């Protein structure tokens, strides 16, 4: 009786907060949206026949396959690294710090990180910086040569080429129009024509005089050069003999080019929009982008658990393997990982349960226009029940479906705990 008296409060709370909601959800899932019409398994059939629901299930499958594996592997790598670096405590603090941030706050952070504008979004700022490091070409979309027979250059399949072959020692003029003020670089200087010499040189400039006037095809006062353009010298055999990049005043010079005549060409890449990164929040990348945010939050948790397991590994086994001639990779693969397998399994199963329940990140990060492409079961359950769908019959069916998905992994964890305590 004493035991029953102590267990009764917990049993009542368990019944009120767990058993009753599950039983009522099962009962409610058998009725329609209004709760008055019995539909049997109709709501469950809808889950596996509706196109939007199938996309939701597919997204959950991607989450379950990708996120737990990535988090467990990263946690293992971080845990092993922290044993080999002097600033291990600071590293652990930095990696574990996202755990102190709520998933909603993490969603707000990554909504900004994935902003398509490189001036706002960190992800595209990094990508554009890397691209600009290896590509010197400046994009001038919609820029073009001036039409008419008087222009010394012409359009050729998107590229701009000189109509007449250029000779070394004679400056080449490449007038361009149609440059929008928004794409004109801030470092553009007044165009200048290089002095003649033994090298092939010239100027690429915006052939437009502010305020009107000026002569077409001539470098007039106040006209700006077009910096960052790639210029090619094409020989008589059609091959590119040399490449140069225009300076801030639009001038270019081919150094070390053999004497002769060449066609000067501005390749099509000069007239394409500048690389601004990826559309992270678009339909294609939205699910991987949200998984990336989830990994950022939970990698620290995995690292701490695996590091604790790593500290419990007998060092004698590791040292014995090294004395026997095993490499560090062999020690890691054949000794460390097998001994860590119980901890790795705990982390992996826990992450599977968390991915099946993910809601906050998808709701916050995914814009409303692409939310159907990023939808998951937990979010769809809320959306059809309370987020405007007002169909608690289908929402209850989704809740039971989610419970069925989570239940095997919960049972697996309970059995493992019992084996360890036996």
Protein backbone atom coordinates (compact mmCIF):
# COMPACT_ATOMS: atom_id res chain seq x y z
CA UNK A 1 0.00 0.00 0.00
CA UNK A 2 2.86 2.37 0.76
CA UNK A 3 4.32 1.74 -2.70
CA UNK A 4 0.93 2.36 -4.33
CA UNK A 5 0.54 5.60 -2.37
CA UNK A 6 3.87 6.86 -3.69
CA UNK A 7 3.22 5.68 -7.25
CA UNK A 8 -0.34 7.00 -7.47
CA UNK A 9 0.52 10.70 -8.10
CA UNK A 10 2.98 9.77 -10.83
CA UNK A 11 0.48 7.32 -12.34
CA UNK A 12 -2.23 9.99 -12.37
CA UNK A 13 0.03 12.51 -14.07
CA UNK A 14 1.14 9.87 -16.58
CA UNK A 15 -2.46 9.06 -17.34
CA UNK A 16 -3.50 12.70 -17.72
CA UNK A 17 -0.53 13.89 -19.77
CA UNK A 18 0.35 10.76 -21.79
CA UNK A 19 -2.20 7.94 -21.83
CA UNK A 20 -5.37 10.01 -22.20
CA UNK A 21 -4.01 12.21 -25.08
CA UNK A 22 -2.85 9.11 -26.97
CA UNK A 23 -6.17 7.30 -26.54
CA UNK A 24 -8.19 10.39 -27.44
CA UNK A 25 -5.98 11.09 -30.50
CA UNK A 26 -6.58 7.54 -31.74
CA UNK A 27 -10.33 8.00 -31.26
CA UNK A 28 -10.34 11.47 -32.88
CA UNK A 29 -8.33 10.28 -35.89
CA UNK A 30 -11.27 8.05 -36.89
CA UNK A 31 -13.56 11.06 -37.47
CA UNK A 32 -13.70 13.88 -40.01
CA UNK A 33 -12.72 17.53 -39.59
CA UNK A 34 -15.89 18.43 -37.69
CA UNK A 35 -15.64 15.41 -35.39
CA UNK A 36 -19.21 14.31 -36.16
CA UNK A 37 -18.68 12.03 -39.15
CA UNK A 38 -17.00 8.66 -38.71
CA UNK A 39 -14.44 8.03 -41.50
CA UNK A 40 -12.62 5.02 -40.10
CA UNK A 41 -9.15 4.78 -41.60
CA UNK A 42 -9.90 7.50 -44.15
CA UNK A 43 -7.51 9.99 -42.54
CA UNK A 44 -4.71 7.42 -42.53
CA UNK A 45 -5.38 6.64 -46.20
CA UNK A 46 -5.12 10.38 -46.95
CA UNK A 47 -1.64 10.45 -45.40
CA UNK A 48 -0.37 7.92 -47.94
CA UNK A 49 -2.29 9.12 -51.00
CA UNK A 50 -2.18 12.94 -50.88
CA UNK A 51 0.70 14.44 -52.86
CA UNK A 52 1.57 17.02 -50.23
CA UNK A 53 1.59 14.35 -47.50
CA UNK A 54 3.89 12.14 -49.56
CA UNK A 55 6.31 15.06 -49.92
CA UNK A 56 6.19 15.47 -46.14
CA UNK A 57 6.99 11.78 -45.59
CA UNK A 58 9.81 11.98 -48.13
CA UNK A 59 11.31 14.96 -46.31
CA UNK A 60 11.13 13.10 -42.99
CA UNK A 61 12.90 10.16 -44.61
CA UNK A 62 15.68 12.48 -45.79
CA UNK A 63 15.95 13.93 -42.28
CA UNK A 64 16.15 10.49 -40.66
CA UNK A 65 18.83 9.26 -43.08
CA UNK A 66 21.04 12.35 -43.29
CA UNK A 67 20.87 14.32 -40.03
CA UNK A 68 21.63 11.55 -37.46
CA UNK A 69 24.53 10.21 -39.53
CA UNK A 70 26.08 13.65 -40.04
CA UNK A 71 25.67 14.64 -36.39
CA UNK A 72 27.08 11.36 -35.07
CA UNK A 73 30.08 11.48 -37.43
CA UNK A 74 30.81 15.14 -36.63
CA UNK A 75 30.44 14.46 -32.91
CA UNK A 76 32.91 11.60 -33.18
CA UNK A 77 35.40 13.71 -35.14
CA UNK A 78 35.11 16.63 -32.71
CA UNK A 79 35.45 14.33 -29.68
CA UNK A 80 38.63 12.75 -31.07
CA UNK A 81 40.08 16.14 -32.01
CA UNK A 82 39.52 17.57 -28.54
CA UNK A 83 41.89 14.92 -27.16
CA UNK A 84 44.68 16.12 -29.43
CA UNK A 85 44.55 19.90 -29.18
CA UNK A 86 45.67 22.18 -26.37
CA UNK A 87 42.66 24.48 -26.51
CA UNK A 88 40.18 21.59 -26.16
CA UNK A 89 38.07 23.36 -23.51
CA UNK A 90 37.56 26.44 -25.70
CA UNK A 91 36.76 24.23 -28.70
CA UNK A 92 34.16 22.26 -26.74
CA UNK A 93 32.62 25.49 -25.46
CA UNK A 94 32.29 26.92 -28.98
CA UNK A 95 30.81 23.73 -30.46
CA UNK A 96 28.44 23.13 -27.54
CA UNK A 97 27.30 26.77 -27.32
CA UNK A 98 24.43 26.38 -29.85
CA UNK A 99 22.77 23.98 -27.39
CA UNK A 100 22.12 27.01 -25.17
CA UNK A 101 20.09 28.58 -28.00
CA UNK A 102 16.47 27.58 -28.47
CA UNK A 103 15.53 26.03 -31.79
CA UNK A 104 13.31 29.03 -32.54
CA UNK A 105 16.23 31.42 -31.99
CA UNK A 106 18.45 29.15 -34.09
CA UNK A 107 15.83 29.34 -36.85
CA UNK A 108 15.89 33.15 -36.77
CA UNK A 109 19.70 33.11 -36.89
CA UNK A 110 19.82 30.79 -39.90
CA UNK A 111 17.04 32.65 -41.68
CA UNK A 112 19.54 35.53 -41.74
CA UNK A 113 22.51 33.27 -42.52
CA UNK A 114 20.73 31.94 -45.61
CA UNK A 115 19.61 35.36 -46.89
CA UNK A 116 20.20 35.46 -50.64
CA UNK A 117 21.75 38.94 -50.53
CA UNK A 118 25.52 38.46 -49.92
CA UNK A 119 25.55 41.75 -47.99
CA UNK A 120 23.18 40.18 -45.43
CA UNK A 121 23.53 36.40 -45.62
CA UNK A 122 26.75 34.89 -44.27
CA UNK A 123 26.48 31.74 -46.42
CA UNK A 124 26.37 33.63 -49.72
CA UNK A 125 28.93 36.16 -48.48
CA UNK A 126 31.39 33.28 -48.04
CA UNK A 127 30.55 31.76 -51.44
CA UNK A 128 30.84 35.05 -53.30
CA UNK A 129 34.14 35.84 -51.56
CA UNK A 130 35.56 32.48 -52.64
CA UNK A 131 34.25 32.97 -56.17
CA UNK A 132 35.69 36.49 -56.41
CA UNK A 133 39.06 35.18 -55.18
CA UNK A 134 39.37 32.79 -58.11
CA UNK A 135 37.46 34.82 -60.70
CA UNK A 136 38.52 38.34 -61.62
CA UNK A 137 35.76 38.91 -64.17
CA UNK A 138 33.31 41.70 -63.30
CA UNK A 139 29.72 41.07 -64.37
CA UNK A 140 28.01 43.74 -66.52
CA UNK A 141 24.61 42.25 -67.40
CA UNK A 142 22.79 43.85 -70.37
CA UNK A 143 25.92 45.80 -71.40
CA UNK A 144 26.51 45.64 -75.15
CA UNK A 145 28.43 47.27 -78.03
CA UNK A 146 26.85 50.25 -79.71
CA UNK A 147 24.89 49.30 -82.80
CA UNK A 148 25.82 50.62 -86.20
CA UNK A 149 28.63 50.40 -88.71
CA UNK A 150 30.60 53.16 -86.97
CA UNK A 151 31.27 51.00 -83.88
CA UNK A 152 34.71 49.32 -83.92
CA UNK A 153 33.31 46.27 -82.10
CA UNK A 154 30.37 43.95 -82.60
CA UNK A 155 28.39 41.28 -80.79
CA UNK A 156 29.38 37.72 -81.64
CA UNK A 157 27.32 35.07 -79.86
CA UNK A 158 27.21 37.02 -76.61
CA UNK A 159 30.88 38.02 -76.74
CA UNK A 160 32.18 41.38 -78.00
CA UNK A 161 34.92 41.29 -80.65
CA UNK A 162 36.77 43.91 -82.66
CA UNK A 163 35.64 44.13 -86.27
CA UNK A 164 39.19 44.57 -87.52
CA UNK A 165 42.30 42.70 -86.30
CA UNK A 166 44.40 44.78 -83.94
CA UNK A 167 48.13 45.27 -84.37
CA UNK A 168 50.63 45.39 -81.53
CA UNK A 169 51.61 48.96 -80.84
CA UNK A 170 48.18 50.34 -81.77
CA UNK A 171 45.72 51.03 -78.89
CA UNK A 172 42.41 49.17 -79.23
CA UNK A 173 39.21 51.03 -78.34
CA UNK A 174 36.28 48.92 -77.09
CA UNK A 175 33.26 51.18 -76.42
CA UNK A 176 30.42 49.63 -74.43
CA UNK A 177 26.92 50.99 -73.74
CA UNK A 178 23.97 49.81 -71.68
CA UNK A 179 25.85 49.67 -68.37
CA UNK A 180 23.39 50.18 -65.52
CA UNK A 181 24.46 52.54 -62.72
CA UNK A 182 23.77 49.78 -60.16
CA UNK A 183 26.49 47.51 -61.61
CA UNK A 184 29.08 50.24 -62.23
CA UNK A 185 31.93 49.44 -59.78
CA UNK A 186 32.66 52.06 -57.16
CA UNK A 187 36.36 51.97 -58.07
CA UNK A 188 35.75 52.84 -61.74
CA UNK A 189 37.95 55.77 -62.78
CA UNK A 190 37.92 58.10 -65.76
CA UNK A 191 38.77 56.12 -68.89
CA UNK A 192 42.25 56.53 -70.34
CA UNK A 193 43.76 55.32 -73.58
CA UNK A 194 47.13 53.60 -73.07
CA UNK A 195 50.09 55.06 -74.88
CA UNK A 196 51.33 53.13 -77.88
CA UNK A 197 54.26 50.76 -77.49
CA UNK A 198 55.45 47.35 -78.51
CA UNK A 199 52.59 45.63 -76.70
CA UNK A 200 48.94 45.15 -77.61
CA UNK A 201 46.91 47.43 -75.35
CA UNK A 202 43.60 49.29 -75.29
CA UNK A 203 40.64 50.53 -73.27
CA UNK A 204 37.20 49.19 -72.46
CA UNK A 205 34.94 52.00 -71.32
CA UNK A 206 31.34 53.11 -70.89
CA UNK A 207 30.80 55.19 -74.02
CA UNK A 208 28.36 57.61 -72.47
CA UNK A 209 29.06 61.22 -71.48
CA UNK A 210 27.08 62.40 -68.42
CA UNK A 211 24.93 65.39 -69.37
CA UNK A 212 25.03 64.58 -73.08
CA UNK A 213 27.46 65.43 -75.82
CA UNK A 214 30.63 63.58 -76.56
CA UNK A 215 31.69 61.66 -79.62
CA UNK A 216 30.60 58.09 -80.25
CA UNK A 217 33.52 55.64 -80.25
CA UNK A 218 35.95 58.10 -78.69
CA UNK A 219 37.09 58.39 -75.08
CA UNK A 220 35.57 61.69 -73.93
CA UNK A 221 36.17 63.54 -70.69
CA UNK A 222 34.06 62.22 -67.83
CA UNK A 223 33.47 58.77 -69.34
CA UNK A 224 34.27 55.88 -67.02
CA UNK A 225 36.42 52.85 -67.67
CA UNK A 226 35.00 49.38 -67.00
CA UNK A 227 37.33 47.64 -64.53
CA UNK A 228 37.51 43.89 -63.94
CA UNK A 229 36.64 42.84 -67.48
CA UNK A 230 38.39 39.83 -68.97
CA UNK A 231 39.97 40.60 -72.35
CA UNK A 232 41.35 37.96 -74.72
CA UNK A 233 43.74 38.25 -77.67
CA UNK A 234 42.68 35.71 -80.29
CA UNK A 235 45.21 34.69 -82.94
CA UNK A 236 44.58 33.86 -86.58
CA UNK A 237 44.16 30.19 -85.64
CA UNK A 238 41.20 31.03 -83.43
CA UNK A 239 43.07 30.18 -80.22
CA UNK A 240 43.39 32.53 -77.26
CA UNK A 241 46.98 33.74 -77.27
CA UNK A 242 46.83 35.87 -74.11
CA UNK A 243 44.40 37.09 -71.46
CA UNK A 244 44.32 40.37 -69.55
CA UNK A 245 42.04 42.14 -67.06
CA UNK A 246 41.02 45.77 -67.36
CA UNK A 247 42.31 48.18 -64.72
CA UNK A 248 40.22 50.73 -62.81
CA UNK A 249 40.42 53.15 -65.76
CA UNK A 250 39.38 50.40 -68.20
CA UNK A 251 42.83 50.03 -69.74
CA UNK A 252 44.38 46.64 -70.48
CA UNK A 253 47.72 45.43 -71.76
CA UNK A 254 48.87 42.04 -73.02
CA UNK A 255 52.40 41.43 -71.79
CA UNK A 256 54.75 39.09 -73.60
CA UNK A 257 52.48 38.77 -76.64
CA UNK A 258 54.28 38.01 -79.90
CA UNK A 259 54.09 40.64 -82.62
CA UNK A 260 51.30 40.22 -85.12
CA UNK A 261 47.59 40.86 -85.60
CA UNK A 262 44.95 39.69 -83.17
CA UNK A 263 41.21 39.91 -82.66
CA UNK A 264 40.46 41.43 -79.25
CA UNK A 265 37.52 39.71 -77.58
CA UNK A 266 35.49 40.31 -74.43
CA UNK A 267 34.14 36.84 -73.56
CA UNK A 268 30.47 36.32 -72.75
CA UNK A 269 31.25 35.82 -69.04
CA UNK A 270 31.77 39.60 -68.77
CA UNK A 271 28.13 40.21 -69.58
CA UNK A 272 26.59 37.72 -67.19
CA UNK A 273 25.24 38.77 -63.81
CA UNK A 274 27.81 38.62 -61.03
CA UNK A 275 27.74 35.48 -58.91
CA UNK A 276 25.62 36.14 -55.82
CA UNK A 277 25.67 32.68 -54.25
CA UNK A 278 22.91 30.10 -53.95
CA UNK A 279 19.20 30.37 -53.31
CA UNK A 280 19.36 28.54 -49.99
CA UNK A 281 15.72 29.20 -49.16
CA UNK A 282 14.44 28.07 -52.56
CA UNK A 283 12.54 24.82 -53.22
CA UNK A 284 15.67 22.87 -54.17
CA UNK A 285 17.97 23.59 -51.22
CA UNK A 286 15.53 24.38 -48.42
CA UNK A 287 15.62 20.92 -46.79
CA UNK A 288 19.46 20.58 -46.84
CA UNK A 289 19.70 24.16 -45.53
CA UNK A 290 17.45 23.41 -42.55
CA UNK A 291 19.30 20.16 -41.86
CA UNK A 292 22.49 22.23 -41.74
CA UNK A 293 20.97 24.42 -39.03
CA UNK A 294 19.87 21.31 -37.11
CA UNK A 295 23.40 19.88 -37.30
CA UNK A 296 24.81 23.19 -35.99
CA UNK A 297 22.57 22.95 -32.93
CA UNK A 298 23.06 19.27 -32.06
CA UNK A 299 26.69 18.57 -33.03
CA UNK A 300 27.87 19.84 -29.64
CA UNK A 301 25.51 17.48 -27.82
CA UNK A 302 26.90 14.52 -29.78
CA UNK A 303 30.47 15.65 -29.15
CA UNK A 304 30.01 15.85 -25.35
CA UNK A 305 28.41 12.38 -25.10
CA UNK A 306 31.00 10.74 -27.33
CA UNK A 307 33.86 12.53 -25.54
CA UNK A 308 32.58 11.12 -22.25
CA UNK A 309 32.57 7.64 -23.75
CA UNK A 310 36.02 8.22 -25.21
CA UNK A 311 37.39 9.15 -21.78
CA UNK A 312 36.14 5.82 -20.41
CA UNK A 313 38.00 3.71 -22.99
CA UNK A 314 40.90 1.75 -21.40
CA UNK A 315 44.11 3.40 -22.59
CA UNK A 316 45.96 0.10 -22.28
CA UNK A 317 44.15 -1.28 -25.32
CA UNK A 318 45.07 1.74 -27.42
CA UNK A 319 48.72 1.71 -26.32
CA UNK A 320 48.99 -2.03 -26.91
CA UNK A 321 47.75 -1.61 -30.47
CA UNK A 322 50.26 1.17 -31.13
CA UNK A 323 53.10 -0.95 -29.72
CA UNK A 324 52.06 -3.78 -32.04
CA UNK A 325 52.57 -1.41 -34.98
CA UNK A 326 49.02 -0.29 -35.70
CA UNK A 327 48.64 3.09 -37.36
CA UNK A 328 46.47 5.80 -35.82
CA UNK A 329 43.79 5.13 -38.42
CA UNK A 330 43.81 1.41 -37.60
CA UNK A 331 43.61 2.17 -33.87
CA UNK A 332 40.69 4.48 -34.49
CA UNK A 333 38.82 2.14 -36.83
CA UNK A 334 39.39 -1.21 -35.12
CA UNK A 335 39.59 -0.26 -31.44
CA UNK A 336 38.21 3.19 -30.69
CA UNK A 337 35.04 2.97 -32.79
CA UNK A 338 34.06 -0.59 -31.65
CA UNK A 339 34.55 0.36 -28.00
CA UNK A 340 32.50 3.52 -28.57
CA UNK A 341 29.68 1.71 -30.40
CA UNK A 342 27.23 1.77 -27.42
CA UNK A 343 27.66 5.54 -27.06
CA UNK A 344 27.46 6.08 -30.82
CA UNK A 345 24.23 4.06 -30.88
CA UNK A 346 22.74 6.22 -28.12
CA UNK A 347 23.60 9.41 -29.98
CA UNK A 348 22.34 8.03 -33.28
CA UNK A 349 18.99 6.82 -31.90
CA UNK A 350 18.48 10.05 -29.94
CA UNK A 351 19.08 12.08 -33.08
CA UNK A 352 16.59 9.95 -35.03
CA UNK A 353 13.92 10.68 -32.42
CA UNK A 354 14.76 14.40 -32.51
CA UNK A 355 14.62 14.55 -36.32
CA UNK A 356 11.22 12.87 -36.35
CA UNK A 357 9.93 15.54 -33.97
CA UNK A 358 11.59 18.55 -35.65
CA UNK A 359 9.19 21.47 -35.96
CA UNK A 360 10.67 24.84 -34.93
CA UNK A 361 13.48 25.07 -37.47
CA UNK A 362 11.28 24.19 -40.44
CA UNK A 363 8.56 26.60 -39.33
CA UNK A 364 10.96 29.53 -38.83
CA UNK A 365 13.54 29.07 -41.61
CA UNK A 366 11.35 28.03 -44.54
CA UNK A 367 9.51 30.97 -46.18
CA UNK A 368 5.80 30.46 -46.59
CA UNK A 369 6.18 30.12 -50.36
CA UNK A 370 8.46 27.05 -50.07
CA UNK A 371 7.17 25.61 -46.80
CA UNK A 372 5.28 22.82 -48.64
CA UNK A 373 8.64 21.73 -50.10
CA UNK A 374 10.28 21.64 -46.65
CA UNK A 375 7.32 20.27 -44.70
CA UNK A 376 7.78 17.51 -42.11
CA UNK A 377 5.23 15.38 -40.25
CA UNK A 378 5.34 17.36 -36.99
CA UNK A 379 4.80 20.68 -38.77
CA UNK A 380 2.09 19.26 -41.01
CA UNK A 381 0.32 17.89 -37.92
CA UNK A 382 0.20 21.39 -36.42
CA UNK A 383 -0.67 23.06 -39.72
CA UNK A 384 -3.70 20.89 -40.56
CA UNK A 385 -4.95 20.97 -36.96
CA UNK A 386 -4.35 24.54 -35.78
CA UNK A 387 -2.47 26.46 -38.47
CA UNK A 388 -5.44 27.14 -40.71
CA UNK A 389 -6.45 23.64 -41.78
CA UNK A 390 -8.93 23.14 -38.89
CA UNK A 391 -8.95 19.40 -39.56
CA UNK A 392 -8.16 17.81 -36.22
CA UNK A 393 -9.17 14.41 -37.53
CA UNK A 394 -6.31 14.39 -40.03
CA UNK A 395 -4.04 16.11 -37.50
CA UNK A 396 -4.74 13.38 -34.94
CA UNK A 397 -3.96 10.73 -37.56
CA UNK A 398 -0.63 12.44 -38.25
CA UNK A 399 0.10 12.53 -34.50
CA UNK A 400 -0.51 8.79 -34.21
CA UNK A 401 1.57 8.17 -37.34
CA UNK A 402 4.43 10.16 -35.79
CA UNK A 403 4.06 8.19 -32.54
CA UNK A 404 4.31 4.93 -34.47
CA UNK A 405 7.50 6.18 -36.14
CA UNK A 406 9.10 7.21 -32.85
CA UNK A 407 7.96 4.20 -30.78
CA UNK A 408 10.44 1.59 -32.12
CA UNK A 409 13.42 3.82 -31.33
CA UNK A 410 12.09 4.54 -27.84
CA UNK A 411 11.67 0.80 -27.20
CA UNK A 412 15.20 0.24 -28.48
CA UNK A 413 16.58 2.77 -26.00
CA UNK A 414 14.57 1.31 -23.09
CA UNK A 415 15.81 -2.21 -23.81
CA UNK A 416 19.39 -1.02 -24.01
CA UNK A 417 19.07 0.78 -20.65
CA UNK A 418 17.68 -2.41 -19.09
CA UNK A 419 20.55 -4.51 -20.45
CA UNK A 420 23.11 -2.08 -19.08
CA UNK A 421 21.47 -2.03 -15.63
CA UNK A 422 20.96 -5.80 -15.47
